[in-house]
C-alpha cells in the first residue's frame, strides 16, 4: 500500500515536464528529480508505520544499486529494501 504513494511528489512537477513527449533537457531533468523530495515533504513525518514506509519509498525509489541513482547516490544495501522493491515494480 505504501508503494502506491511513491510518485506523489509529481503533483509538484509542472505538467510541461511530466507530459513532455521527448527527452528532458538538463534543467527539466533537475526539476523532475525534485519529485522525490516533494513526495517526502508531502508525506511528512508520522507515527503511522505505513506513512513512514511510504516516505522511505518516495525518497529512495530512484536510487540505483550501482550508486548512479538519485537523490543521494546510495549504493547497494544502503538503499532501503522497500525502495528497491518499488524501483523494480515501477
N, C-alpha and C. Protein backbone atom coordinates (compact mmCIF):
# COMPACT_ATOMS: atom_id res chain seq x y z
N UNK A 1 0.82 -1.20 0.00
CA UNK A 1 0.00 0.00 0.00
C UNK A 1 0.86 1.26 0.00
N UNK A 2 1.97 1.23 0.74
CA UNK A 2 2.85 2.40 0.79
C UNK A 2 3.46 2.70 -0.57
N UNK A 3 3.70 1.65 -1.34
CA UNK A 3 4.30 1.82 -2.66
C UNK A 3 3.45 2.62 -3.62
N UNK A 4 2.14 2.61 -3.41
CA UNK A 4 1.25 3.37 -4.28
C UNK A 4 1.54 4.87 -4.24
N UNK A 5 2.17 5.32 -3.17
CA UNK A 5 2.45 6.75 -3.00
C UNK A 5 3.84 7.15 -3.48
N UNK A 6 4.57 6.24 -4.13
CA UNK A 6 5.97 6.50 -4.46
C UNK A 6 6.18 7.75 -5.32
N UNK A 7 5.25 8.08 -6.19
CA UNK A 7 5.40 9.24 -7.07
C UNK A 7 4.48 10.40 -6.70
N UNK A 8 4.01 10.44 -5.46
CA UNK A 8 3.10 11.52 -5.05
C UNK A 8 3.72 12.90 -5.26
N UNK A 9 5.03 12.99 -5.20
CA UNK A 9 5.71 14.27 -5.39
C UNK A 9 5.57 14.84 -6.79
N UNK A 10 5.15 14.02 -7.73
CA UNK A 10 4.97 14.53 -9.09
C UNK A 10 3.84 15.54 -9.19
N UNK A 11 2.99 15.62 -8.16
CA UNK A 11 1.95 16.67 -8.20
C UNK A 11 2.58 18.05 -8.10
N UNK A 12 3.83 18.12 -7.66
CA UNK A 12 4.55 19.39 -7.59
C UNK A 12 5.44 19.63 -8.79
N UNK A 13 5.36 18.78 -9.80
CA UNK A 13 6.16 18.91 -11.02
C UNK A 13 5.29 19.50 -12.11
N UNK A 14 5.77 20.52 -12.81
CA UNK A 14 4.95 21.14 -13.86
C UNK A 14 4.51 20.13 -14.94
N UNK A 15 3.28 20.29 -15.41
CA UNK A 15 2.75 19.42 -16.45
C UNK A 15 3.60 19.45 -17.72
N UNK A 16 4.18 20.59 -18.03
CA UNK A 16 5.00 20.70 -19.23
C UNK A 16 6.18 19.73 -19.19
N UNK A 17 6.66 19.43 -18.00
CA UNK A 17 7.75 18.46 -17.85
C UNK A 17 7.19 17.05 -17.80
N UNK A 18 6.16 16.84 -17.01
CA UNK A 18 5.57 15.50 -16.89
C UNK A 18 5.07 14.97 -18.23
N UNK A 19 4.52 15.83 -19.05
CA UNK A 19 3.90 15.42 -20.30
C UNK A 19 4.80 15.64 -21.51
N UNK A 20 6.04 15.97 -21.28
CA UNK A 20 6.98 16.23 -22.37
C UNK A 20 7.11 14.98 -23.25
N UNK A 21 6.90 15.15 -24.56
CA UNK A 21 6.96 13.98 -25.43
C UNK A 21 8.39 13.48 -25.71
N UNK A 22 9.35 14.32 -25.52
CA UNK A 22 10.72 13.94 -25.83
C UNK A 22 11.58 13.84 -24.59
N UNK A 23 12.86 13.69 -24.81
CA UNK A 23 13.82 13.62 -23.71
C UNK A 23 13.90 14.98 -23.02
N UNK A 24 13.99 14.97 -21.70
CA UNK A 24 14.08 16.20 -20.94
C UNK A 24 15.48 16.80 -21.07
N UNK A 25 15.53 18.15 -21.12
CA UNK A 25 16.85 18.78 -21.11
C UNK A 25 17.38 18.78 -19.68
N UNK A 26 18.60 19.26 -19.49
CA UNK A 26 19.25 19.19 -18.19
C UNK A 26 18.47 19.92 -17.11
N UNK A 27 17.95 21.10 -17.41
CA UNK A 27 17.18 21.87 -16.43
C UNK A 27 15.86 21.18 -16.09
N UNK A 28 15.19 20.65 -17.10
CA UNK A 28 13.93 19.93 -16.86
C UNK A 28 14.18 18.67 -16.02
N UNK A 29 15.28 17.98 -16.30
CA UNK A 29 15.62 16.76 -15.56
C UNK A 29 15.86 17.08 -14.08
N UNK A 30 16.51 18.21 -13.81
CA UNK A 30 16.73 18.61 -12.41
C UNK A 30 15.41 18.87 -11.71
N UNK A 31 14.47 19.49 -12.41
CA UNK A 31 13.14 19.73 -11.84
C UNK A 31 12.43 18.40 -11.59
N UNK A 32 12.49 17.49 -12.55
CA UNK A 32 11.84 16.19 -12.40
C UNK A 32 12.41 15.43 -11.20
N UNK A 33 13.71 15.50 -11.00
CA UNK A 33 14.33 14.78 -9.89
C UNK A 33 13.86 15.29 -8.53
N UNK A 34 13.33 16.47 -8.48
CA UNK A 34 12.85 17.02 -7.21
C UNK A 34 11.59 16.34 -6.70
N UNK A 35 10.93 15.54 -7.55
CA UNK A 35 9.67 14.92 -7.11
C UNK A 35 9.88 14.00 -5.91
N UNK A 36 11.08 13.44 -5.74
CA UNK A 36 11.31 12.57 -4.59
C UNK A 36 11.31 13.38 -3.29
N UNK A 37 11.90 14.57 -3.33
CA UNK A 37 11.91 15.43 -2.14
C UNK A 37 10.51 16.00 -1.87
N UNK A 38 9.83 16.38 -2.93
CA UNK A 38 8.46 16.90 -2.78
C UNK A 38 7.57 15.82 -2.16
N UNK A 39 7.69 14.60 -2.64
CA UNK A 39 6.91 13.49 -2.10
C UNK A 39 7.18 13.26 -0.63
N UNK A 40 8.46 13.27 -0.26
CA UNK A 40 8.83 13.08 1.14
C UNK A 40 8.26 14.21 2.00
N UNK A 41 8.28 15.41 1.46
CA UNK A 41 7.74 16.56 2.20
C UNK A 41 6.22 16.43 2.36
N UNK A 42 5.54 16.02 1.31
CA UNK A 42 4.09 15.83 1.38
C UNK A 42 3.75 14.77 2.42
N UNK A 43 4.48 13.67 2.39
CA UNK A 43 4.20 12.57 3.33
C UNK A 43 4.59 12.93 4.75
N UNK A 44 5.60 13.76 4.90
CA UNK A 44 6.00 14.25 6.21
C UNK A 44 6.46 13.17 7.16
N UNK A 45 6.48 13.51 8.44
CA UNK A 45 6.89 12.58 9.49
C UNK A 45 5.65 12.21 10.28
N UNK A 46 5.40 10.91 10.41
CA UNK A 46 4.19 10.43 11.07
C UNK A 46 4.50 9.27 12.01
N UNK A 47 3.57 9.00 12.89
CA UNK A 47 3.65 7.82 13.75
C UNK A 47 3.22 6.56 13.00
N UNK A 48 2.49 6.74 11.93
CA UNK A 48 1.97 5.62 11.16
C UNK A 48 3.10 4.87 10.45
N UNK A 49 3.27 3.57 10.72
CA UNK A 49 4.29 2.79 10.00
C UNK A 49 4.07 2.79 8.48
N UNK A 50 2.83 2.81 8.04
CA UNK A 50 2.54 2.84 6.62
C UNK A 50 3.07 4.12 5.98
N UNK A 51 2.80 5.26 6.61
CA UNK A 51 3.27 6.53 6.06
C UNK A 51 4.78 6.69 6.21
N UNK A 52 5.35 6.12 7.24
CA UNK A 52 6.81 6.14 7.38
C UNK A 52 7.45 5.37 6.22
N UNK A 53 6.89 4.20 5.91
CA UNK A 53 7.42 3.41 4.80
C UNK A 53 7.20 4.13 3.47
N UNK A 54 6.06 4.76 3.31
CA UNK A 54 5.78 5.49 2.07
C UNK A 54 6.81 6.60 1.86
N UNK A 55 7.21 7.26 2.93
CA UNK A 55 8.22 8.32 2.82
C UNK A 55 9.57 7.75 2.42
N UNK A 56 9.96 6.64 3.02
CA UNK A 56 11.22 5.97 2.67
C UNK A 56 11.22 5.58 1.19
N UNK A 57 10.10 5.06 0.73
CA UNK A 57 9.97 4.65 -0.67
C UNK A 57 10.03 5.85 -1.60
N UNK A 58 9.30 6.92 -1.25
CA UNK A 58 9.29 8.12 -2.10
C UNK A 58 10.71 8.66 -2.27
N UNK A 59 11.48 8.66 -1.19
CA UNK A 59 12.85 9.18 -1.26
C UNK A 59 13.82 8.24 -1.98
N UNK A 60 13.56 6.95 -1.93
CA UNK A 60 14.57 6.02 -2.41
C UNK A 60 14.28 5.27 -3.68
N UNK A 61 13.12 5.46 -4.29
CA UNK A 61 12.77 4.60 -5.42
C UNK A 61 13.52 4.89 -6.71
N UNK A 62 14.32 5.95 -6.74
CA UNK A 62 15.16 6.23 -7.91
C UNK A 62 16.64 6.03 -7.62
N UNK A 63 16.97 5.51 -6.45
CA UNK A 63 18.35 5.14 -6.17
C UNK A 63 18.65 3.87 -6.98
N UNK A 64 19.91 3.68 -7.35
CA UNK A 64 20.32 2.52 -8.14
C UNK A 64 21.43 1.77 -7.43
N UNK A 65 21.42 0.47 -7.52
CA UNK A 65 22.34 -0.39 -6.78
C UNK A 65 23.80 0.00 -7.01
N UNK A 66 24.10 0.53 -8.20
CA UNK A 66 25.49 0.91 -8.52
C UNK A 66 25.83 2.33 -8.09
N UNK A 67 24.88 3.03 -7.47
CA UNK A 67 25.13 4.39 -7.00
C UNK A 67 24.80 5.48 -8.00
N UNK A 68 24.30 5.11 -9.17
CA UNK A 68 24.03 6.09 -10.22
C UNK A 68 22.67 6.77 -10.09
N UNK A 69 21.90 6.40 -9.09
CA UNK A 69 20.56 6.96 -8.94
C UNK A 69 20.55 8.29 -8.20
N UNK A 70 19.36 8.73 -7.87
CA UNK A 70 19.18 9.99 -7.15
C UNK A 70 18.10 9.81 -6.11
N UNK A 71 18.04 10.61 -5.09
CA UNK A 71 18.70 11.90 -4.90
C UNK A 71 20.06 11.83 -4.18
N UNK A 72 20.38 10.71 -3.55
CA UNK A 72 21.59 10.66 -2.71
C UNK A 72 22.71 9.80 -3.27
N UNK A 73 22.49 9.13 -4.38
CA UNK A 73 23.52 8.26 -4.94
C UNK A 73 23.87 7.09 -4.04
N UNK A 74 22.86 6.58 -3.33
CA UNK A 74 23.09 5.45 -2.42
C UNK A 74 23.53 4.22 -3.22
N UNK A 75 24.31 3.36 -2.56
CA UNK A 75 24.85 2.17 -3.21
C UNK A 75 24.40 0.93 -2.46
N UNK A 76 24.02 -0.10 -3.22
CA UNK A 76 23.75 -1.42 -2.67
C UNK A 76 22.79 -1.44 -1.50
N UNK A 77 23.25 -2.08 -0.42
CA UNK A 77 22.40 -2.27 0.76
C UNK A 77 22.06 -0.98 1.50
N UNK A 78 22.69 0.12 1.13
CA UNK A 78 22.34 1.41 1.74
C UNK A 78 20.96 1.88 1.26
N UNK A 79 20.48 1.32 0.17
CA UNK A 79 19.15 1.66 -0.35
C UNK A 79 18.14 0.81 0.43
N UNK A 80 17.14 1.43 1.04
CA UNK A 80 16.15 0.66 1.78
C UNK A 80 15.50 -0.40 0.89
N UNK A 81 15.33 -1.58 1.44
CA UNK A 81 14.78 -2.70 0.66
C UNK A 81 13.40 -2.37 0.10
N UNK A 82 12.60 -1.61 0.83
CA UNK A 82 11.27 -1.23 0.33
C UNK A 82 11.39 -0.41 -0.95
N UNK A 83 12.36 0.50 -0.97
CA UNK A 83 12.58 1.34 -2.15
C UNK A 83 13.10 0.51 -3.32
N UNK A 84 13.95 -0.48 -3.03
CA UNK A 84 14.45 -1.36 -4.10
C UNK A 84 13.31 -2.16 -4.73
N UNK A 85 12.41 -2.64 -3.90
CA UNK A 85 11.27 -3.42 -4.42
C UNK A 85 10.40 -2.56 -5.33
N UNK A 86 10.10 -1.35 -4.89
CA UNK A 86 9.25 -0.46 -5.70
C UNK A 86 9.97 -0.03 -6.95
N UNK A 87 11.28 0.17 -6.90
CA UNK A 87 12.04 0.53 -8.11
C UNK A 87 11.89 -0.56 -9.17
N UNK A 88 11.96 -1.81 -8.75
CA UNK A 88 11.81 -2.92 -9.68
C UNK A 88 10.37 -2.94 -10.24
N UNK A 89 9.41 -2.79 -9.37
CA UNK A 89 7.99 -2.82 -9.80
C UNK A 89 7.65 -1.64 -10.70
N UNK A 90 8.27 -0.50 -10.44
CA UNK A 90 7.98 0.72 -11.21
C UNK A 90 8.56 0.59 -12.60
